[in-house]
Amino acid sequence: MEPTAGAAAAPVSSDFIRDIVADDLRTGKHAGGVHTRFPPEPNGYLHIGHAKSICLNFGVAAEFGGRCNLRYDDTNPAREDVEYVESIQEDVRWLGFDWADRTFFASDYFETMYEYAQTLIREGHAYVDSLTADEIRNYRGTLTEPGRNSPYRDRPSDESLDLFQRMRAGEFADGTHVLRASIDMTSPNMNMRDPTLYRIRHASHHRTGDAWSIYPTYDYAHPISDALEGITHSLCTLEFEDHRPLYDWVIEHTRPPSRPQQIEFARLNLNYTVMSKRKLLALVEQKLVNGWDDPRMPTIAGIRRRGFTPEAVRDFCSRIGVAKKENVVDFALLEHTVREDLNRRAQRALAVLRPLKVVIDNYPADRDEMVDAVNNPEDASAGTRRVPFAREIYIDRDDFMEVPPKKFFRLSPGVEVRLRYAYIVKCERVVKNEAGEPVELHCTYDPESLSGSTAARRVKGTLHWVSARHAVDAEVRLYDRLFKSADPEDDGRDALTDLNPQSLERLTGCKVEPSLAEASVGERLQFERLGYFCVDPDSRPDAPVFNRTVTLKDSWAKISARTS
């Protein structure tokens, strides 16, 4: 495995998988090597849960001097697309990992899998079943009742082999026949009750075209793919634990050149979201979100567009660790990790989201002034920038109240506040519209109070602002949790009925400092006092669009507490 620069930045603590790998190296198992793989299905975009698997598979390989393959499980042509193949590669690279020339597809091995299947038939370990899907389901039994043998289970091997070859030739319609393993219909493990190995599917494949009319199931293709690639440790999530006996059965009866070891770990479960590709696809297809990369989506493409950093995601995966038991991680921990990372790296900027005009009456109308603003107080090497200041400025509407409550340390009539990096101003007069709403504030400033000067005074409130004449108009998109409930599927409800109607608020007419007119797509910033933001791909020259990545503090927990 060749991680790109910075991919190993997150500290890694030991866990049961790393302990197994270390012990295998000590004992010389797998010829003393470590070879893992990340095996996504190209039937959708990757989500944050996949990030845990990516970090684990590539991380283990890197830590133990091994290699990690990127292998696509492309065994279901009806749901797969080249778009997904390309998006997966982009996501893995964005996270900081590289698989060199080791890009593989299960379809690379279709011919070998077919030959193995014919051997299973000849040796009496597989048969062609002609029951319908409903009949197979009925014969399979239940968790409390054993299954029954199919009437086709004792079909002669020659007859099954002939039918299987004709299935490949495309003679039969979908669902007419399947190839099943002959194992044990009374097994307490439902996965061992003569599982399906091949099904007929007349669908064009994104790589093999119309060459095949039959496709292997995941449970058959996955162990063979692992073995043919020399995978030593096949790391899977816990839902595959009951499939491990079948994994081992396939390896034992097909006799490929190596014997991988399947190890299961708990998948990542986050509250306030769903991790099902099927449900995420429904959100996209029903246009409940704006595509797979909608910043509200838990997809890697979505969180990238929202402004999350790969370093923060890797750090998050390291913090939650690898365990054998399922648990639910608070989404706030992911946001906290992102917030910590952005605090160190994001340049500061001034922005006003809901502008309220302020006129400083005693400031010269023909005067422009440049004030020094710190780019990042956490990074002295980031230096400072020059921000224009003039007689007319904008402040945020929320920073003014005509009749303020106690401990309102912002602007109100007769009260002084400091303008960040600039002067102390005092509100003298309020101009209102016909509805009685403030539309313009008239203030005076103290010329001796410039921030940083020896004569600067201290006041309790500090406000952000932008110069009205120099400000750039911008659109700001405020993103929040996509779902209202911590468990969107609680009590069996449809998660799509639990969507948060306040998950996106679009603000137009926002004002940002002039340096942001040409901000680069993907650039991450902290709007002072407002939160962390990222430049969206929808941005155009002199018309920037910013996505809120996270707030400065975890305000959601307080909101949830008040409404619970």
Protein backbone atom coordinates (compact mmCIF):
# COMPACT_ATOMS: atom_id res chain seq x y z
CA MET A 1 0.00 0.00 0.00
CA GLU A 2 1.33 3.40 -0.95
CA PRO A 3 -0.40 6.09 1.13
CA THR A 4 -0.17 9.57 -0.26
CA ALA A 5 1.49 12.31 1.73
CA GLY A 6 -0.20 12.84 5.07
CA ALA A 7 -2.30 9.68 4.95
CA ALA A 8 -0.67 8.27 8.06
CA ALA A 9 -1.06 11.47 10.09
CA ALA A 10 -3.80 10.17 12.39
CA PRO A 11 -2.39 8.20 15.35
CA VAL A 12 -3.44 4.56 15.41
CA SER A 13 -4.03 2.55 18.56
CA SER A 14 -4.06 -1.22 18.66
CA ASP A 15 -7.26 -3.18 18.21
CA PHE A 16 -8.25 -6.83 17.88
CA ILE A 17 -7.67 -6.88 14.11
CA ARG A 18 -4.20 -5.40 14.36
CA ASP A 19 -3.46 -7.86 17.18
CA ILE A 20 -4.48 -10.75 14.90
CA VAL A 21 -2.34 -9.46 12.05
CA ALA A 22 0.66 -8.93 14.34
CA ASP A 23 0.31 -12.46 15.71
CA ASP A 24 0.04 -13.89 12.19
CA LEU A 25 3.27 -12.15 11.26
CA ARG A 26 5.00 -13.54 14.34
CA THR A 27 3.92 -17.10 13.55
CA GLY A 28 4.61 -16.87 9.82
CA LYS A 29 1.00 -17.44 8.80
CA HIS A 30 0.19 -16.41 5.22
CA ALA A 31 3.92 -16.76 4.46
CA GLY A 32 4.61 -13.75 6.66
CA GLY A 33 2.75 -11.29 4.44
CA VAL A 34 -0.15 -8.88 4.83
CA HIS A 35 -2.43 -8.21 1.88
CA THR A 36 -5.82 -6.57 2.35
CA ARG A 37 -8.42 -5.18 -0.04
CA PHE A 38 -11.18 -2.60 -0.12
CA PRO A 39 -14.05 -4.24 -2.07
CA PRO A 40 -16.86 -1.73 -2.83
CA GLU A 41 -19.84 -2.42 -5.04
CA PRO A 42 -20.00 0.15 -7.89
CA ASN A 43 -23.73 0.68 -7.35
CA GLY A 44 -23.64 4.05 -5.60
CA TYR A 45 -21.37 6.63 -4.01
CA LEU A 46 -19.33 5.74 -0.93
CA HIS A 47 -20.47 7.08 2.44
CA ILE A 48 -18.75 7.88 5.71
CA GLY A 49 -19.19 4.26 6.82
CA HIS A 50 -16.99 3.17 3.92
CA ALA A 51 -14.36 5.65 5.11
CA LYS A 52 -13.87 3.51 8.21
CA SER A 53 -13.31 0.43 6.06
CA ILE A 54 -10.97 2.30 3.72
CA CYS A 55 -8.88 3.60 6.63
CA LEU A 56 -8.80 0.15 8.21
CA ASN A 57 -7.87 -1.85 5.11
CA PHE A 58 -5.31 0.60 3.74
CA GLY A 59 -4.12 1.51 7.23
CA VAL A 60 -3.45 -2.08 8.36
CA ALA A 61 -1.56 -2.80 5.14
CA ALA A 62 0.60 0.33 5.55
CA GLU A 63 1.34 -0.29 9.24
CA PHE A 64 2.48 -3.87 8.65
CA GLY A 65 4.43 -3.32 5.44
CA GLY A 66 1.80 -4.95 3.25
CA ARG A 67 -0.38 -4.05 0.28
CA CYS A 68 -4.02 -3.16 -0.22
CA ASN A 69 -6.02 -3.70 -3.41
CA LEU A 70 -8.97 -1.72 -4.68
CA ARG A 71 -11.36 -4.36 -5.98
CA TYR A 72 -14.85 -3.72 -7.27
CA ASP A 73 -17.54 -6.28 -6.50
CA ASP A 74 -19.23 -5.84 -9.88
CA THR A 75 -21.49 -8.90 -9.86
CA ASN A 76 -24.83 -7.11 -10.25
CA PRO A 77 -24.86 -5.38 -13.66
CA ALA A 78 -28.39 -4.01 -13.27
CA ARG A 79 -27.28 -1.60 -10.54
CA GLU A 80 -23.70 -0.75 -11.53
CA ASP A 81 -22.29 2.16 -13.50
CA VAL A 82 -18.93 3.57 -14.58
CA GLU A 83 -19.87 6.80 -12.78
CA TYR A 84 -19.74 4.93 -9.48
CA VAL A 85 -16.43 3.28 -10.37
CA GLU A 86 -14.84 6.67 -10.98
CA SER A 87 -16.39 8.29 -7.91
CA ILE A 88 -15.03 5.51 -5.68
CA GLN A 89 -11.51 6.05 -6.94
CA GLU A 90 -11.83 9.80 -6.37
CA ASP A 91 -13.08 9.24 -2.82
CA VAL A 92 -10.29 6.81 -1.86
CA ARG A 93 -7.64 9.15 -3.25
CA TRP A 94 -9.22 12.12 -1.47
CA LEU A 95 -8.94 10.26 1.83
CA GLY A 96 -5.21 10.02 1.18
CA PHE A 97 -4.70 6.46 -0.03
CA ASP A 98 -3.33 4.95 -3.22
CA TRP A 99 -3.54 1.38 -4.51
CA ALA A 100 -0.82 1.83 -7.20
CA ASP A 101 -1.60 -0.55 -10.10
CA ARG A 102 -3.76 -2.88 -8.02
CA THR A 103 -7.19 -2.05 -9.41
CA PHE A 104 -9.22 -5.22 -9.79
CA PHE A 105 -12.79 -6.24 -10.54
CA ALA A 106 -14.66 -9.40 -9.63
CA SER A 107 -15.49 -9.50 -13.35
CA ASP A 108 -11.76 -10.09 -13.99
CA TYR A 109 -12.36 -13.57 -12.61
CA PHE A 110 -15.71 -14.48 -14.17
CA GLU A 111 -14.19 -17.17 -16.38
CA THR A 112 -12.27 -18.74 -13.48
CA MET A 113 -15.36 -18.63 -11.26
CA TYR A 114 -17.34 -20.34 -14.00
CA GLU A 115 -14.74 -23.11 -14.28
CA TYR A 116 -14.78 -23.58 -10.51
CA ALA A 117 -18.58 -23.81 -10.60
CA GLN A 118 -18.45 -26.55 -13.22
CA THR A 119 -16.04 -28.45 -11.00
CA LEU A 120 -18.43 -28.10 -8.06
CA ILE A 121 -21.20 -29.59 -10.21
CA ARG A 122 -19.04 -32.49 -11.39
CA GLU A 123 -18.00 -33.29 -7.81
CA GLY A 124 -21.59 -33.20 -6.54
CA HIS A 125 -21.22 -29.97 -4.55
CA ALA A 126 -23.61 -27.90 -6.68
CA TYR A 127 -26.75 -28.40 -8.75
CA VAL A 128 -29.04 -26.45 -11.04
CA ASP A 129 -32.35 -25.76 -9.31
CA SER A 130 -35.47 -25.00 -11.35
CA LEU A 131 -37.72 -23.88 -8.51
CA THR A 132 -39.10 -20.36 -8.69
CA ALA A 133 -37.76 -17.70 -6.36
CA ASP A 134 -40.87 -17.97 -4.17
CA GLU A 135 -40.58 -21.75 -4.04
CA ILE A 136 -36.91 -21.57 -3.08
CA ARG A 137 -37.83 -19.15 -0.31
CA ASN A 138 -40.56 -21.49 0.91
CA TYR A 139 -38.29 -24.57 0.84
CA ARG A 140 -35.61 -22.69 2.74
CA GLY A 141 -37.47 -22.84 6.05
CA THR A 142 -37.27 -20.32 8.88
CA LEU A 143 -35.04 -19.54 11.82
CA THR A 144 -37.01 -22.07 13.88
CA GLU A 145 -37.85 -24.61 11.16
CA PRO A 146 -35.34 -26.52 9.01
CA GLY A 147 -35.47 -26.23 5.25
CA ARG A 148 -36.43 -28.96 2.80
CA ASN A 149 -34.40 -30.35 -0.03
CA SER A 150 -35.37 -29.08 -3.46
CA PRO A 151 -36.80 -31.80 -5.73
CA TYR A 152 -33.98 -30.90 -8.10
CA ARG A 153 -31.24 -31.43 -5.50
CA ASP A 154 -30.54 -34.96 -6.74
CA ARG A 155 -30.50 -33.93 -10.38
CA PRO A 156 -27.67 -35.86 -12.09
CA SER A 157 -24.43 -33.92 -12.37
CA ASP A 158 -24.36 -34.29 -16.16
CA GLU A 159 -27.85 -32.80 -16.42
CA SER A 160 -26.96 -29.90 -14.09
CA LEU A 161 -23.76 -29.29 -16.01
CA ASP A 162 -25.62 -29.20 -19.32
CA LEU A 163 -28.23 -26.80 -17.93
CA PHE A 164 -25.53 -24.59 -16.41
CA GLN A 165 -23.69 -24.33 -19.72
CA ARG A 166 -26.95 -23.48 -21.48
CA MET A 167 -27.67 -20.88 -18.80
CA ARG A 168 -24.39 -19.23 -19.74
CA ALA A 169 -25.30 -19.45 -23.42
CA GLY A 170 -28.40 -17.37 -22.73
CA GLU A 171 -31.01 -20.01 -23.55
CA PHE A 172 -33.19 -19.35 -20.52
CA ALA A 173 -35.12 -16.37 -19.19
CA ASP A 174 -34.25 -14.65 -15.93
CA GLY A 175 -35.41 -16.67 -12.93
CA THR A 176 -35.81 -19.96 -14.84
CA HIS A 177 -32.87 -21.67 -13.11
CA VAL A 178 -30.20 -20.94 -10.50
CA LEU A 179 -27.04 -22.77 -9.50
CA ARG A 180 -27.07 -23.71 -5.82
CA ALA A 181 -24.44 -25.17 -3.54
CA SER A 182 -25.34 -28.56 -2.09
CA ILE A 183 -24.62 -28.14 1.61
CA ASP A 184 -27.25 -28.70 4.33
CA MET A 185 -30.90 -27.62 4.23
CA THR A 186 -31.21 -28.34 7.97
CA SER A 187 -28.29 -26.10 9.01
CA PRO A 188 -29.13 -23.62 11.80
CA ASN A 189 -27.20 -21.08 9.70
CA MET A 190 -29.60 -19.98 6.97
CA ASN A 191 -26.67 -19.02 4.74
CA MET A 192 -25.65 -22.68 4.53
CA ARG A 193 -29.03 -23.96 3.32
CA ASP A 194 -27.98 -24.59 -0.27
CA PRO A 195 -27.19 -20.95 -1.09
CA THR A 196 -27.44 -19.63 -4.62
CA LEU A 197 -24.11 -19.34 -6.44
CA TYR A 198 -25.29 -18.14 -9.87
CA ARG A 199 -28.45 -16.58 -11.24
CA ILE A 200 -29.56 -15.78 -14.78
CA ARG A 201 -29.54 -12.08 -15.51
CA HIS A 202 -29.83 -10.75 -19.05
CA ALA A 203 -28.26 -7.36 -18.39
CA SER A 204 -25.37 -5.58 -20.00
CA HIS A 205 -22.32 -5.30 -17.75
CA HIS A 206 -20.31 -2.08 -17.58
CA ARG A 207 -17.10 -4.01 -18.36
CA THR A 208 -18.02 -7.29 -20.04
CA GLY A 209 -20.96 -6.00 -22.06
CA ASP A 210 -23.31 -8.82 -23.11
CA ALA A 211 -20.73 -11.60 -22.82
CA TRP A 212 -22.47 -13.15 -19.82
CA SER A 213 -26.07 -14.16 -19.16
CA ILE A 214 -25.27 -15.51 -15.69
CA TYR A 215 -23.63 -13.70 -12.80
CA PRO A 216 -22.15 -15.04 -9.54
CA THR A 217 -23.55 -14.02 -6.17
CA TYR A 218 -21.45 -12.01 -3.74
CA ASP A 219 -21.03 -14.97 -1.37
CA TYR A 220 -19.50 -17.02 -4.19
CA ALA A 221 -17.49 -14.33 -5.95
CA HIS A 222 -15.98 -12.64 -2.91
CA PRO A 223 -13.94 -15.51 -1.40
CA ILE A 224 -12.68 -16.57 -4.84
CA SER A 225 -11.64 -13.00 -5.69
CA ASP A 226 -9.83 -12.74 -2.36
CA ALA A 227 -8.02 -16.03 -2.94
CA LEU A 228 -7.00 -15.28 -6.51
CA GLU A 229 -5.49 -11.95 -5.40
CA GLY A 230 -3.61 -13.52 -2.51
CA ILE A 231 -5.53 -11.59 0.13
CA THR A 232 -4.41 -12.67 3.60
CA HIS A 233 -6.87 -10.82 5.81
CA SER A 234 -10.34 -10.23 4.38
CA LEU A 235 -11.78 -7.56 6.68
CA CYS A 236 -15.59 -7.40 6.61
CA THR A 237 -18.29 -5.77 8.69
CA LEU A 238 -20.30 -7.77 11.23
CA GLU A 239 -23.24 -8.52 8.95
CA PHE A 240 -20.96 -10.97 7.15
CA GLU A 241 -20.13 -12.95 10.30
CA ASP A 242 -22.86 -15.50 9.59
CA HIS A 243 -21.59 -15.73 6.02
CA ARG A 244 -18.09 -16.78 7.11
CA PRO A 245 -18.89 -20.55 7.10
CA LEU A 246 -20.00 -20.18 3.48
CA TYR A 247 -16.87 -18.13 2.69
CA ASP A 248 -14.75 -20.97 4.06
CA TRP A 249 -16.88 -23.61 2.28
CA VAL A 250 -16.32 -21.95 -1.09
CA ILE A 251 -12.56 -21.77 -0.50
CA GLU A 252 -12.41 -25.39 0.64
CA HIS A 253 -14.41 -26.80 -2.28
CA THR A 254 -13.06 -24.68 -5.14
CA ARG A 255 -9.43 -25.05 -3.95
CA PRO A 256 -8.03 -21.70 -5.22
CA PRO A 257 -4.29 -20.95 -4.92
CA SER A 258 -4.48 -19.29 -1.46
CA ARG A 259 -6.65 -19.36 1.66
CA PRO A 260 -7.68 -15.93 2.97
CA GLN A 261 -8.90 -15.36 6.51
CA GLN A 262 -12.16 -13.44 6.96
CA ILE A 263 -12.33 -11.21 10.05
CA GLU A 264 -15.42 -9.18 10.98
CA PHE A 265 -15.57 -5.82 12.71
CA ALA A 266 -18.39 -3.49 13.73
CA ARG A 267 -19.51 -1.11 11.01
CA LEU A 268 -19.77 2.62 11.59
CA ASN A 269 -23.24 3.69 12.70
CA LEU A 270 -23.87 7.43 13.08
CA ASN A 271 -26.93 9.00 14.62
CA TYR A 272 -28.99 11.49 12.61
CA THR A 273 -28.21 9.70 9.37
CA VAL A 274 -28.66 6.48 7.40
CA MET A 275 -25.93 4.31 5.88
CA SER A 276 -27.93 2.28 3.39
CA LYS A 277 -26.97 2.84 -0.25
CA ARG A 278 -30.50 1.90 -1.22
CA LYS A 279 -31.97 4.63 0.97
CA LEU A 280 -29.36 7.16 -0.11
CA LEU A 281 -30.20 6.33 -3.72
CA ALA A 282 -33.88 6.91 -2.93
CA LEU A 283 -33.03 10.38 -1.60
CA VAL A 284 -31.25 11.16 -4.87
CA GLU A 285 -33.83 9.62 -7.21
CA GLN A 286 -36.76 11.26 -5.44
CA LYS A 287 -34.88 14.60 -5.57
CA LEU A 288 -35.10 15.04 -1.82
CA VAL A 289 -31.46 16.12 -2.00
CA ASN A 290 -29.45 17.72 -4.79
CA GLY A 291 -27.50 14.66 -5.90
CA TRP A 292 -25.00 12.28 -4.34
CA ASP A 293 -22.68 15.17 -3.44
CA ASP A 294 -25.34 17.22 -1.66
CA PRO A 295 -23.51 18.53 1.45
CA ARG A 296 -26.28 17.11 3.65
CA MET A 297 -25.58 13.58 2.43
CA PRO A 298 -23.28 11.29 4.46
CA THR A 299 -21.48 10.38 1.24
CA ILE A 300 -17.77 11.09 0.99
CA ALA A 301 -18.55 13.30 -2.01
CA GLY A 302 -21.11 15.16 0.11
CA ILE A 303 -18.88 15.80 3.10
CA ARG A 304 -16.05 16.80 0.77
CA ARG A 305 -18.28 19.41 -0.87
CA ARG A 306 -19.40 20.56 2.55
CA GLY A 307 -15.79 21.28 3.50
CA PHE A 308 -14.75 18.34 5.68
CA THR A 309 -11.04 17.56 5.39
CA PRO A 310 -9.57 14.11 4.73
CA GLU A 311 -7.31 14.59 7.74
CA ALA A 312 -10.34 15.11 10.00
CA VAL A 313 -12.13 12.04 8.59
CA ARG A 314 -9.05 9.85 9.12
CA ASP A 315 -8.67 11.24 12.64
CA PHE A 316 -12.35 10.51 13.33
CA CYS A 317 -11.96 6.91 12.14
CA SER A 318 -8.93 6.53 14.40
CA ARG A 319 -10.79 7.96 17.42
CA ILE A 320 -13.80 5.66 17.13
CA GLY A 321 -11.51 2.65 16.79
CA VAL A 322 -12.27 -0.89 15.64
CA ALA A 323 -14.48 -3.11 17.77
CA LYS A 324 -16.41 -6.39 17.59
CA LYS A 325 -19.64 -4.97 19.00
CA GLU A 326 -22.04 -2.66 17.16
CA ASN A 327 -22.58 0.79 18.63
CA VAL A 328 -23.85 4.18 17.50
CA VAL A 329 -21.42 7.10 17.27
CA ASP A 330 -22.67 10.63 17.88
CA PHE A 331 -22.52 12.73 14.71
CA ALA A 332 -21.32 15.56 16.95
CA LEU A 333 -18.01 13.71 17.40
CA LEU A 334 -17.40 13.82 13.65
CA GLU A 335 -18.25 17.53 13.59
CA HIS A 336 -16.00 18.14 16.60
CA THR A 337 -13.11 16.43 14.83
CA VAL A 338 -13.69 18.53 11.72
CA ARG A 339 -13.93 21.68 13.83
CA GLU A 340 -10.62 20.92 15.55
CA ASP A 341 -8.86 20.38 12.24
CA LEU A 342 -10.30 23.47 10.58
CA ASN A 343 -9.42 25.62 13.58
CA ARG A 344 -5.78 24.82 12.88
CA ARG A 345 -5.82 25.24 9.09
CA ALA A 346 -8.67 27.55 8.02
CA GLN A 347 -7.91 31.18 7.20
CA ARG A 348 -10.19 33.70 8.90
CA ALA A 349 -12.43 36.07 6.96
CA LEU A 350 -15.12 38.65 7.65
CA ALA A 351 -18.64 38.01 6.39
CA VAL A 352 -22.11 39.30 7.19
CA LEU A 353 -24.94 36.89 6.45
CA ARG A 354 -27.97 39.09 7.24
CA PRO A 355 -26.76 42.63 6.55
CA LEU A 356 -27.82 45.68 8.52
CA LYS A 357 -26.29 48.95 7.33
CA VAL A 358 -24.34 51.13 9.75
CA VAL A 359 -23.33 54.72 8.98
CA ILE A 360 -20.52 56.15 11.10
CA ASP A 361 -21.51 59.81 11.06
CA ASN A 362 -18.25 61.31 12.33
CA TYR A 363 -16.03 59.21 10.04
CA PRO A 364 -14.89 61.15 6.91
CA ALA A 365 -17.07 60.28 3.92
CA ASP A 366 -14.14 60.42 1.47
CA ARG A 367 -11.81 58.31 3.55
CA ASP A 368 -10.81 54.66 3.02
CA GLU A 369 -8.61 52.92 5.55
CA MET A 370 -6.93 49.54 5.62
CA VAL A 371 -6.82 47.66 8.92
CA ASP A 372 -4.72 44.61 9.74
CA ALA A 373 -6.60 41.35 10.27
CA VAL A 374 -5.10 38.11 11.56
CA ASN A 375 -5.35 35.22 9.10
CA ASN A 376 -5.21 32.47 11.70
CA PRO A 377 -4.48 32.99 15.40
CA GLU A 378 -3.57 29.28 15.66
CA ASP A 379 -0.85 29.64 13.02
CA ALA A 380 1.52 32.60 13.35
CA SER A 381 3.08 31.78 9.97
CA ALA A 382 -0.26 32.57 8.26
CA GLY A 383 0.43 36.27 8.83
CA THR A 384 -2.07 39.09 8.37
CA ARG A 385 -4.09 40.68 5.59
CA ARG A 386 -5.36 44.18 4.90
CA VAL A 387 -9.13 44.75 5.13
CA PRO A 388 -10.79 48.00 3.93
CA PHE A 389 -12.72 50.11 6.40
CA ALA A 390 -14.97 53.05 5.47
CA ARG A 391 -17.80 55.28 6.73
CA GLU A 392 -20.55 52.83 5.79
CA ILE A 393 -20.34 49.22 6.88
CA TYR A 394 -22.59 46.21 7.36
CA ILE A 395 -23.05 44.24 10.55
CA ASP A 396 -25.22 41.17 11.12
CA ARG A 397 -28.85 41.96 11.91
CA ASP A 398 -28.67 39.58 14.90
CA ASP A 399 -25.99 41.80 16.45
CA PHE A 400 -28.42 44.67 17.09
CA MET A 401 -31.38 44.93 19.44
CA GLU A 402 -33.24 48.11 20.17
CA VAL A 403 -34.39 46.84 23.57
CA PRO A 404 -31.77 44.26 24.54
CA PRO A 405 -32.03 41.74 27.36
CA LYS A 406 -29.45 41.57 30.11
CA LYS A 407 -26.00 40.36 29.08
CA PHE A 408 -26.59 41.30 25.45
CA PHE A 409 -23.04 42.45 24.72
CA ARG A 410 -23.72 43.62 21.20
CA LEU A 411 -25.00 46.83 19.68
CA SER A 412 -28.02 48.74 20.99
CA PRO A 413 -28.85 52.45 21.37
CA GLY A 414 -26.29 54.24 23.54
CA VAL A 415 -24.04 51.18 23.81
CA GLU A 416 -20.42 50.90 22.63
CA VAL A 417 -18.97 47.85 20.88
CA ARG A 418 -15.70 47.17 19.10
CA LEU A 419 -15.63 46.42 15.41
CA ARG A 420 -13.23 43.50 14.96
CA TYR A 421 -9.72 44.77 14.04
CA ALA A 422 -11.07 48.36 13.85
CA TYR A 423 -12.67 50.99 16.09
CA ILE A 424 -15.12 51.28 18.94
CA VAL A 425 -18.48 52.62 17.78
CA LYS A 426 -21.56 53.83 19.65
CA CYS A 427 -25.14 53.61 18.36
CA GLU A 428 -26.75 57.07 18.33
CA ARG A 429 -29.84 56.71 16.14
CA VAL A 430 -32.00 54.00 14.53
CA VAL A 431 -33.74 54.39 11.17
CA LYS A 432 -36.77 52.15 10.70
CA ASN A 433 -39.03 51.18 7.82
CA GLU A 434 -42.83 51.46 7.79
CA ALA A 435 -43.09 48.12 9.58
CA GLY A 436 -40.99 49.46 12.45
CA GLU A 437 -37.96 47.32 11.58
CA PRO A 438 -34.43 48.76 11.82
CA VAL A 439 -32.95 49.33 8.36
CA GLU A 440 -30.03 51.62 9.17
CA LEU A 441 -28.04 52.49 12.27
CA HIS A 442 -26.21 55.78 12.75
CA CYS A 443 -23.17 55.58 15.00
CA THR A 444 -20.14 57.56 16.04
CA TYR A 445 -16.64 56.19 16.42
CA ASP A 446 -13.74 56.89 18.72
CA PRO A 447 -10.75 57.82 16.48
CA GLU A 448 -8.32 56.87 19.26
CA SER A 449 -9.65 53.34 19.68
CA LEU A 450 -8.16 51.53 16.68
CA SER A 451 -7.57 47.93 17.60
CA GLY A 452 -3.98 47.29 18.57
CA SER A 453 -3.14 50.93 19.24
CA THR A 454 -1.71 52.01 22.57
CA ALA A 455 -4.80 54.11 23.26
CA ALA A 456 -7.26 51.29 22.53
CA ARG A 457 -9.96 50.87 25.17
CA ARG A 458 -11.69 47.66 26.19
CA VAL A 459 -15.44 47.13 25.76
CA LYS A 460 -17.47 44.00 26.32
CA GLY A 461 -18.79 43.39 22.81
CA THR A 462 -16.91 42.75 19.55
CA LEU A 463 -18.73 42.52 16.20
CA HIS A 464 -17.68 41.37 12.76
CA TRP A 465 -18.41 43.67 9.82
CA VAL A 466 -17.59 44.44 6.19
CA SER A 467 -17.16 47.74 4.41
CA ALA A 468 -20.31 48.49 2.41
CA ARG A 469 -18.50 50.00 -0.57
CA HIS A 470 -15.95 47.18 -0.82
CA ALA A 471 -18.14 44.21 0.08
CA VAL A 472 -18.72 41.36 -2.37
CA ASP A 473 -22.22 39.91 -2.69
CA ALA A 474 -22.34 36.20 -1.95
CA GLU A 475 -24.72 33.31 -1.44
CA VAL A 476 -24.34 31.32 1.76
CA ARG A 477 -25.91 27.90 2.28
CA LEU A 478 -26.47 26.92 5.89
CA TYR A 479 -26.55 23.13 6.17
CA ASP A 480 -27.80 21.19 9.15
CA ARG A 481 -28.70 17.58 9.95
CA LEU A 482 -30.61 15.88 7.15
CA PHE A 483 -32.85 14.00 9.60
CA LYS A 484 -34.74 15.27 12.62
CA SER A 485 -34.31 12.20 14.82
CA ALA A 486 -31.20 10.55 16.20
CA ASP A 487 -32.57 7.28 14.81
CA PRO A 488 -34.44 8.11 11.59
CA GLU A 489 -35.71 4.52 11.37
CA ASP A 490 -36.85 4.13 14.95
CA ASP A 491 -39.87 1.82 15.36
CA GLY A 492 -39.57 0.69 11.77
CA ARG A 493 -40.55 4.03 10.21
CA ASP A 494 -39.40 5.08 6.77
CA ALA A 495 -36.37 7.34 7.19
CA LEU A 496 -37.58 9.49 4.29
CA THR A 497 -40.49 10.62 6.46
CA ASP A 498 -38.08 11.99 9.08
CA LEU A 499 -36.34 14.60 6.93
CA ASN A 500 -35.42 17.84 8.66
CA PRO A 501 -37.18 20.72 6.82
CA GLN A 502 -34.51 23.11 8.14
CA SER A 503 -31.59 21.09 6.81
CA LEU A 504 -30.80 23.79 4.21
CA GLU A 505 -31.25 27.55 4.40
CA ARG A 506 -30.10 29.61 1.40
CA LEU A 507 -29.10 33.18 2.13
CA THR A 508 -28.61 35.58 -0.75
CA GLY A 509 -27.34 39.13 -0.57
CA CYS A 510 -24.73 38.22 2.02
CA LYS A 511 -21.70 40.49 2.22
CA VAL A 512 -18.11 39.22 2.39
CA GLU A 513 -14.78 40.98 2.47
CA PRO A 514 -13.30 41.73 -1.00
CA SER A 515 -10.48 39.17 -0.73
CA LEU A 516 -13.10 36.42 -1.17
CA ALA A 517 -14.25 37.57 -4.61
CA GLU A 518 -11.87 35.11 -6.27
CA ALA A 519 -11.86 32.41 -3.59
CA SER A 520 -10.99 28.98 -5.01
CA VAL A 521 -13.52 26.17 -5.11
CA GLY A 522 -12.95 23.94 -2.11
CA GLU A 523 -11.16 26.65 -0.10
CA ARG A 524 -12.01 26.38 3.60
CA LEU A 525 -12.48 29.46 5.75
CA GLN A 526 -13.64 30.51 9.16
CA PHE A 527 -16.14 33.35 8.97
CA GLU A 528 -15.34 35.02 12.26
CA ARG A 529 -18.00 34.48 14.94
CA LEU A 530 -20.12 32.49 12.44
CA GLY A 531 -18.51 29.12 11.72
CA TYR A 532 -16.45 27.25 9.16
CA PHE A 533 -17.33 27.52 5.49
CA CYS A 534 -16.21 26.10 2.18
CA VAL A 535 -16.34 27.55 -1.35
CA ASP A 536 -18.91 25.58 -3.35
CA PRO A 537 -18.40 24.45 -6.98
CA ASP A 538 -21.39 26.64 -7.90
CA SER A 539 -19.23 29.72 -7.27
CA ARG A 540 -18.47 32.07 -10.12
CA PRO A 541 -16.00 34.99 -10.35
CA ASP A 542 -17.27 37.84 -8.16
CA ALA A 543 -20.28 35.72 -7.17
CA PRO A 544 -18.97 33.28 -4.57
CA VAL A 545 -21.11 30.61 -2.95
CA PHE A 546 -20.18 29.29 0.48
CA ASN A 547 -21.35 26.17 2.29
CA ARG A 548 -21.37 26.10 6.06
CA THR A 549 -19.24 23.14 7.08
CA VAL A 550 -19.78 23.28 10.84
CA THR A 551 -20.67 25.91 13.39
CA LEU A 552 -18.03 27.22 15.78
CA LYS A 553 -19.62 25.21 18.58
CA ASP A 554 -21.94 22.23 18.77
CA SER A 555 -25.21 24.13 18.95
CA TRP A 556 -27.26 21.11 17.84
CA ALA A 557 -26.86 19.38 21.20
CA LYS A 558 -28.35 22.44 22.96
CA ILE A 559 -31.22 22.63 20.46
CA SER A 560 -31.95 18.92 20.89
CA ALA A 561 -31.97 19.26 24.67
CA ARG A 562 -34.45 22.14 24.52
CA THR A 563 -36.83 20.31 22.19
CA SER A 564 -36.66 16.86 23.76
